[in-house]
Amino acid sequence: MSRKVPLRWESACAAYRVVIRQRCVDELIETATKHLPDETGSSIYGFYSNDGKTAVVVGMSTMPADSEYSASWFLRGVRGLTDFFKELFTRTHGSRYYVGEWHSHPLSSVRPSRLDWAEQREIATDASMQCPECILLILGGEFRENPKLGVFVYSRESGREISLRPERVS
């Protein structure tokens, strides 16, 4: 069974690029499938290219125990995340860090809701988060047979919500 989703994404203006490692996509699908029929999610981590134009998503945190969820909504908790990211930063000598969030929309669209955008805006505009361009991954569709992935960025600088599309291969 093929569970392939695009791994390279870019904005229409090519100012934003996101690359997602296949292992991370597999982990998202596995986690979302285990939590069916409910939504689930957590924070994602990775790094930026040397020129700062490409974010590479390599993994995800576990879902915090104080997260709340149902079949139609998800609110990521915070318990344990500070320790998770401090340990990750130390273990990787600062080469891996928080880059955004992901959550699932079981049997549904990958389009972000107004609440999804409000949460991304809050993260991007919170200077203590140190994530001025917060990535949002939404896993939708039928996870086992035909998963869909939506990739989005909220930019603090422009105050804009940006939808990314699979990168064209030349």
Foldseek 3Di string as FASTA:
>chain_A
DDADEFQWKAFPVRQAIEGEDPVAVVVQLVVQVVPPLKKFKFFWKFAADPVRRYTYTYHGDHQDPPWDMDNADTDGDDPPVVVVQVVVCVVVVNRMHTQAMEMENEQDDQDDDPVRVVVLQVLLQPVVNVHQWHKYWYWYRHSPPYIYIWIWIQHNVVRDITTIDRDDDD
